[in-house]
Amino acid sequence: MDLNYVFLCGLMWNRYGQEEAGWELVRAIRSADPDVRALAWALFGQRELLKRRAADVH
C-alpha cells in the first residue's frame, strides 16, 4: 500500500468522514510495512482529536 494513498484516505476520513476511507486505513493498519502502519494509526486517530477540538471551540 502506498503512503500517498494512505495519506489521502486519512484526509477523506478525517475531513469528510468517508467510511470507505476509514476502512482503507484499517486495512493499512494491518499492512506488513511499518511505515504504512504508523501513518495509518496516526491518521485514523486524528478524527476523534479533531472532533474534540471543534467541540472546545464552540
PDB file of N, CA and C in Angstrom:
ATOM      1  N   MET A   1       0.850  -1.165   0.000  1.00  0.00           N
ATOM      2  CA  MET A   1       0.000   0.000   0.000  1.00  0.00           C
ATOM      3  C   MET A   1       0.904   1.239   0.000  1.00  0.00           C
ATOM      4  N   ASP A   2       0.573   2.207  -0.794  1.00  0.00           N
ATOM      5  CA  ASP A   2       1.362   3.422  -0.985  1.00  0.00           C
ATOM      6  C   ASP A   2       1.091   4.442   0.124  1.00  0.00           C
ATOM      7  N   LEU A   3       2.147   5.093   0.605  1.00  0.00           N
ATOM      8  CA  LEU A   3       1.989   6.097   1.665  1.00  0.00           C
ATOM      9  C   LEU A   3       1.112   7.272   1.227  1.00  0.00           C
ATOM     10  N   ASN A   4       1.230   7.675  -0.019  1.00  0.00           N
ATOM     11  CA  ASN A   4       0.388   8.779  -0.513  1.00  0.00           C
ATOM     12  C   ASN A   4      -1.086   8.405  -0.471  1.00  0.00           C
ATOM     13  N   TYR A   5      -1.386   7.170  -0.846  1.00  0.00           N
ATOM     14  CA  TYR A   5      -2.766   6.693  -0.811  1.00  0.00           C
ATOM     15  C   TYR A   5      -3.295   6.687   0.618  1.00  0.00           C
ATOM     16  N   VAL A   6      -2.477   6.206   1.537  1.00  0.00           N
ATOM     17  CA  VAL A   6      -2.879   6.172   2.950  1.00  0.00           C
ATOM     18  C   VAL A   6      -3.125   7.589   3.457  1.00  0.00           C
ATOM     19  N   PHE A   7      -2.262   8.511   3.088  1.00  0.00           N
ATOM     20  CA  PHE A   7      -2.444   9.909   3.495  1.00  0.00           C
ATOM     21  C   PHE A   7      -3.764  10.472   2.960  1.00  0.00           C
ATOM     22  N   LEU A   8      -4.055  10.214   1.700  1.00  0.00           N
ATOM     23  CA  LEU A   8      -5.309  10.711   1.117  1.00  0.00           C
ATOM     24  C   LEU A   8      -6.521  10.066   1.770  1.00  0.00           C
ATOM     25  N   CYS A   9      -6.420   8.799   2.093  1.00  0.00           N
ATOM     26  CA  CYS A   9      -7.520   8.143   2.817  1.00  0.00           C
ATOM     27  C   CYS A   9      -7.718   8.805   4.181  1.00  0.00           C
ATOM     28  N   GLY A  10      -6.608   9.135   4.837  1.00  0.00           N
ATOM     29  CA  GLY A  10      -6.699   9.818   6.123  1.00  0.00           C
ATOM     30  C   GLY A  10      -7.363  11.175   5.991  1.00  0.00           C
ATOM     31  N   LEU A  11      -7.056  11.873   4.939  1.00  0.00           N
ATOM     32  CA  LEU A  11      -7.687  13.167   4.685  1.00  0.00           C
ATOM     33  C   LEU A  11      -9.198  13.013   4.491  1.00  0.00           C
ATOM     34  N   MET A  12      -9.575  12.047   3.672  1.00  0.00           N
ATOM     35  CA  MET A  12     -11.004  11.837   3.402  1.00  0.00           C
ATOM     36  C   MET A  12     -11.741  11.354   4.660  1.00  0.00           C
ATOM     37  N   TRP A  13     -11.093  10.562   5.474  1.00  0.00           N
ATOM     38  CA  TRP A  13     -11.685  10.065   6.708  1.00  0.00           C
ATOM     39  C   TRP A  13     -11.848  11.194   7.731  1.00  0.00           C
ATOM     40  N   ASN A  14     -10.772  11.955   7.926  1.00  0.00           N
ATOM     41  CA  ASN A  14     -10.792  12.993   8.951  1.00  0.00           C
ATOM     42  C   ASN A  14     -11.625  14.206   8.571  1.00  0.00           C
ATOM     43  N   ARG A  15     -11.554  14.618   7.347  1.00  0.00           N
ATOM     44  CA  ARG A  15     -12.247  15.832   6.946  1.00  0.00           C
ATOM     45  C   ARG A  15     -13.714  15.596   6.604  1.00  0.00           C
ATOM     46  N   TYR A  16     -13.994  14.481   5.942  1.00  0.00           N
ATOM     47  CA  TYR A  16     -15.349  14.241   5.423  1.00  0.00           C
ATOM     48  C   TYR A  16     -16.046  13.035   6.037  1.00  0.00           C
ATOM     49  N   GLY A  17     -15.340  12.288   6.864  1.00  0.00           N
ATOM     50  CA  GLY A  17     -15.947  11.120   7.490  1.00  0.00           C
ATOM     51  C   GLY A  17     -16.311  10.024   6.503  1.00  0.00           C
ATOM     52  N   GLN A  18     -15.591   9.961   5.390  1.00  0.00           N
ATOM     53  CA  GLN A  18     -15.895   8.973   4.363  1.00  0.00           C
ATOM     54  C   GLN A  18     -15.573   7.566   4.896  1.00  0.00           C
ATOM     55  N   GLU A  19     -16.610   6.760   5.025  1.00  0.00           N
ATOM     56  CA  GLU A  19     -16.480   5.442   5.635  1.00  0.00           C
ATOM     57  C   GLU A  19     -15.506   4.541   4.873  1.00  0.00           C
ATOM     58  N   GLU A  20     -15.559   4.546   3.572  1.00  0.00           N
ATOM     59  CA  GLU A  20     -14.662   3.704   2.774  1.00  0.00           C
ATOM     60  C   GLU A  20     -13.194   4.048   3.046  1.00  0.00           C
ATOM     61  N   ALA A  21     -12.906   5.324   3.201  1.00  0.00           N
ATOM     62  CA  ALA A  21     -11.545   5.747   3.508  1.00  0.00           C
ATOM     63  C   ALA A  21     -11.123   5.241   4.884  1.00  0.00           C
ATOM     64  N   GLY A  22     -12.046   5.235   5.827  1.00  0.00           N
ATOM     65  CA  GLY A  22     -11.757   4.695   7.153  1.00  0.00           C
ATOM     66  C   GLY A  22     -11.409   3.218   7.093  1.00  0.00           C
ATOM     67  N   TRP A  23     -12.132   2.469   6.268  1.00  0.00           N
ATOM     68  CA  TRP A  23     -11.830   1.045   6.116  1.00  0.00           C
ATOM     69  C   TRP A  23     -10.488   0.823   5.443  1.00  0.00           C
ATOM     70  N   GLU A  24     -10.120   1.711   4.542  1.00  0.00           N
ATOM     71  CA  GLU A  24      -8.793   1.609   3.922  1.00  0.00           C
ATOM     72  C   GLU A  24      -7.698   1.864   4.958  1.00  0.00           C
ATOM     73  N   LEU A  25      -7.955   2.763   5.900  1.00  0.00           N
ATOM     74  CA  LEU A  25      -6.992   2.986   6.982  1.00  0.00           C
ATOM     75  C   LEU A  25      -6.869   1.739   7.856  1.00  0.00           C
ATOM     76  N   VAL A  26      -7.988   1.082   8.114  1.00  0.00           N
ATOM     77  CA  VAL A  26      -7.952  -0.166   8.879  1.00  0.00           C
ATOM     78  C   VAL A  26      -7.121  -1.203   8.133  1.00  0.00           C
ATOM     79  N   ARG A  27      -7.312  -1.280   6.830  1.00  0.00           N
ATOM     80  CA  ARG A  27      -6.524  -2.209   6.015  1.00  0.00           C
ATOM     81  C   ARG A  27      -5.033  -1.854   6.094  1.00  0.00           C
ATOM     82  N   ALA A  28      -4.737  -0.559   6.071  1.00  0.00           N
ATOM     83  CA  ALA A  28      -3.349  -0.109   6.144  1.00  0.00           C
ATOM     84  C   ALA A  28      -2.731  -0.418   7.506  1.00  0.00           C
ATOM     85  N   ILE A  29      -3.524  -0.365   8.551  1.00  0.00           N
ATOM     86  CA  ILE A  29      -3.042  -0.692   9.893  1.00  0.00           C
ATOM     87  C   ILE A  29      -2.573  -2.144   9.952  1.00  0.00           C
ATOM     88  N   ARG A  30      -3.138  -2.978   9.115  1.00  0.00           N
ATOM     89  CA  ARG A  30      -2.769  -4.403   9.060  1.00  0.00           C
ATOM     90  C   ARG A  30      -1.638  -4.689   8.079  1.00  0.00           C
ATOM     91  N   SER A  31      -1.069  -3.657   7.484  1.00  0.00           N
ATOM     92  CA  SER A  31      -0.009  -3.810   6.487  1.00  0.00           C
ATOM     93  C   SER A  31       1.264  -4.388   7.100  1.00  0.00           C
ATOM     94  N   ALA A  32       2.039  -5.051   6.267  1.00  0.00           N
ATOM     95  CA  ALA A  32       3.333  -5.564   6.699  1.00  0.00           C
ATOM     96  C   ALA A  32       4.382  -4.447   6.769  1.00  0.00           C
ATOM     97  N   ASP A  33       4.123  -3.343   6.093  1.00  0.00           N
ATOM     98  CA  ASP A  33       5.062  -2.213   6.050  1.00  0.00           C
ATOM     99  C   ASP A  33       4.895  -1.366   7.311  1.00  0.00           C
ATOM    100  N   PRO A  34       5.942  -1.253   8.135  1.00  0.00           N
ATOM    101  CA  PRO A  34       5.813  -0.493   9.385  1.00  0.00           C
ATOM    102  C   PRO A  34       5.537   1.001   9.166  1.00  0.00           C
ATOM    103  N   ASP A  35       6.018   1.577   8.077  1.00  0.00           N
ATOM    104  CA  ASP A  35       5.748   2.990   7.800  1.00  0.00           C
ATOM    105  C   ASP A  35       4.273   3.207   7.464  1.00  0.00           C
ATOM    106  N   VAL A  36       3.717   2.307   6.686  1.00  0.00           N
ATOM    107  CA  VAL A  36       2.293   2.387   6.336  1.00  0.00           C
ATOM    108  C   VAL A  36       1.449   2.228   7.595  1.00  0.00           C
ATOM    109  N   ARG A  37       1.799   1.260   8.433  1.00  0.00           N
ATOM    110  CA  ARG A  37       1.056   1.054   9.687  1.00  0.00           C
ATOM    111  C   ARG A  37       1.099   2.288  10.575  1.00  0.00           C
ATOM    112  N   ALA A  38       2.280   2.863  10.746  1.00  0.00           N
ATOM    113  CA  ALA A  38       2.427   4.032  11.622  1.00  0.00           C
ATOM    114  C   ALA A  38       1.610   5.210  11.112  1.00  0.00           C
ATOM    115  N   LEU A  39       1.665   5.461   9.813  1.00  0.00           N
ATOM    116  CA  LEU A  39       0.901   6.566   9.241  1.00  0.00           C
ATOM    117  C   LEU A  39      -0.598   6.319   9.399  1.00  0.00           C
ATOM    118  N   ALA A  40      -1.029   5.105   9.116  1.00  0.00           N
ATOM    119  CA  ALA A  40      -2.456   4.782   9.227  1.00  0.00           C
ATOM    120  C   ALA A  40      -2.950   4.960  10.659  1.00  0.00           C
ATOM    121  N   TRP A  41      -2.185   4.487  11.639  1.00  0.00           N
ATOM    122  CA  TRP A  41      -2.583   4.659  13.042  1.00  0.00           C
ATOM    123  C   TRP A  41      -2.701   6.142  13.390  1.00  0.00           C
ATOM    124  N   ALA A  42      -1.723   6.922  12.965  1.00  0.00           N
ATOM    125  CA  ALA A  42      -1.733   8.357  13.275  1.00  0.00           C
ATOM    126  C   ALA A  42      -2.941   9.047  12.652  1.00  0.00           C
ATOM    127  N   LEU A  43      -3.228   8.734  11.411  1.00  0.00           N
ATOM    128  CA  LEU A  43      -4.336   9.381  10.712  1.00  0.00           C
ATOM    129  C   LEU A  43      -5.691   8.904  11.214  1.00  0.00           C
ATOM    130  N   PHE A  44      -5.792   7.633  11.532  1.00  0.00           N
ATOM    131  CA  PHE A  44      -7.061   7.092  12.000  1.00  0.00           C
ATOM    132  C   PHE A  44      -7.482   7.742  13.310  1.00  0.00           C
ATOM    133  N   GLY A  45      -6.522   7.993  14.183  1.00  0.00           N
ATOM    134  CA  GLY A  45      -6.818   8.570  15.488  1.00  0.00           C
ATOM    135  C   GLY A  45      -7.098  10.060  15.471  1.00  0.00           C
ATOM    136  N   GLN A  46      -6.768  10.736  14.385  1.00  0.00           N
ATOM    137  CA  GLN A  46      -6.955  12.190  14.337  1.00  0.00           C
ATOM    138  C   GLN A  46      -8.412  12.608  14.303  1.00  0.00           C
ATOM    139  N   ARG A  47      -9.288  11.791  13.767  1.00  0.00           N
ATOM    140  CA  ARG A  47     -10.700  12.175  13.641  1.00  0.00           C
ATOM    141  C   ARG A  47     -11.305  12.521  14.997  1.00  0.00           C
ATOM    142  N   GLU A  48     -11.062  11.684  15.984  1.00  0.00           N
ATOM    143  CA  GLU A  48     -11.589  11.942  17.323  1.00  0.00           C
ATOM    144  C   GLU A  48     -10.967  13.200  17.920  1.00  0.00           C
ATOM    145  N   LEU A  49      -9.682  13.395  17.717  1.00  0.00           N
ATOM    146  CA  LEU A  49      -8.997  14.590  18.211  1.00  0.00           C
ATOM    147  C   LEU A  49      -9.583  15.850  17.580  1.00  0.00           C
ATOM    148  N   LEU A  50      -9.832  15.815  16.281  1.00  0.00           N
ATOM    149  CA  LEU A  50     -10.416  16.970  15.599  1.00  0.00           C
ATOM    150  C   LEU A  50     -11.821  17.265  16.114  1.00  0.00           C
ATOM    151  N   LYS A  51     -12.598  16.218  16.398  1.00  0.00           N
ATOM    152  CA  LYS A  51     -13.946  16.424  16.933  1.00  0.00           C
ATOM    153  C   LYS A  51     -13.889  17.078  18.310  1.00  0.00           C
ATOM    154  N   ARG A  52     -12.946  16.664  19.132  1.00  0.00           N
ATOM    155  CA  ARG A  52     -12.813  17.264  20.465  1.00  0.00           C
ATOM    156  C   ARG A  52     -12.413  18.723  20.386  1.00  0.00           C
ATOM    157  N   ARG A  53     -11.475  19.035  19.495  1.00  0.00           N
ATOM    158  CA  ARG A  53     -11.044  20.424  19.338  1.00  0.00           C
ATOM    159  C   ARG A  53     -12.185  21.301  18.835  1.00  0.00           C
ATOM    160  N   ALA A  54     -12.983  20.792  17.921  1.00  0.00           N
ATOM    161  CA  ALA A  54     -14.124  21.554  17.397  1.00  0.00           C
ATOM    162  C   ALA A  54     -15.128  21.814  18.507  1.00  0.00           C
ATOM    163  N   ALA A  55     -15.350  20.830  19.375  1.00  0.00           N
ATOM    164  CA  ALA A  55     -16.281  20.995  20.488  1.00  0.00           C
ATOM    165  C   ALA A  55     -15.771  22.042  21.480  1.00  0.00           C
ATOM    166  N   ASP A  56     -14.462  22.097  21.676  1.00  0.00           N
ATOM    167  CA  ASP A  56     -13.871  23.070  22.605  1.00  0.00           C
ATOM    168  C   ASP A  56     -14.020  24.492  22.088  1.00  0.00           C
ATOM    169  N   VAL A  57     -13.992  24.654  20.767  1.00  0.00           N
ATOM    170  CA  VAL A  57     -14.101  25.983  20.167  1.00  0.00           C
ATOM    171  C   VAL A  57     -15.513  26.526  20.298  1.00  0.00           C
ATOM    172  N   HIS A  58     -16.497  25.626  20.219  1.00  0.00           N
ATOM    173  CA  HIS A  58     -17.902  26.056  20.275  1.00  0.00           C
ATOM    174  C   HIS A  58     -18.314  26.093  21.691  1.00  0.00           C
TER     175      HIS A  58
END
